[in-house]
Amino acid sequence: MFASLFNPEAPFWRRVASLADVLGLSVLWVILSLPVVTCGAATAALYDASVRYVRPASPGGFVRFWSTFRREVKGALLPSLLSALILLVLTAVLRFFAAAVLNELAGAVLVLTAFFLVSLLPLGGICWTFPALSRFDATPLGALKVGMQLALAYLPRTLAAAALLLVSAVLSALFWFPLLLCPCLTAVGWSFLMEPVFRKYTPAPDSSGGPEEENDL
């Protein structure tokens, strides 16, 4: 019993290490996302580390995060700016319609509901863009194109991914402490939705046992 308690490979300690990874990677994502232009690279790195190390509870997530972040920071620059612009426009329009609802304008609730449903598609496209960037070789504009194509092709998964993002954003806006966990947990949630799709476009690994490479999409 005591031997297993002090064994770093014991289930208890692996869960503790996994929770530490979730906390550390979430904080790292928040810090690196503050400049906005690096938010896309940070999201790609967070998704990549979450899939490969957080989900299987394996060590090495922080090394993988930094490796992916450095690799994608230039390529994710334009998608980050365009995504930020899309989110800014969606937020501004949403606030306008919300104000109309508060002022009890006729039909405002219906219009707000319709806009909210429509906005889930571009939001879902953003959700797909940066995980896809971490998995495949793509130009900056190509990454956005792939994200939107996947959002349309796998609409139920897209809506679920957008809903996860919205829940995390609302919780983080209302309380500060979800920021310590929500970014990484959201990436893990996305991985259950997106990895089955990505595997369709990923060649089977060869028998040489070499490192897994990015693929063109």
Foldseek 3Di string as FASTA:
>chain_A
DVVLVPDCPRPVNLVVLLLVCLLVLLVVLVVQCVVQLLNLQSLLLLLVLLVPDNVVSHPDSVVSSVVSSVVCSVQQRVVSVVLVVLVVVLVVVLVVLVVCVVVVPPPSVVVNVVSVVVSLLLLLLNLQLSNLVSAADDGSVRSSVVSNVVCVVQVVLSSVLSVLVVVLVVVCVVDPVSSSRSSSVSSNVNCVSPVVVVVVVADDDDPPPDDGDHHHD
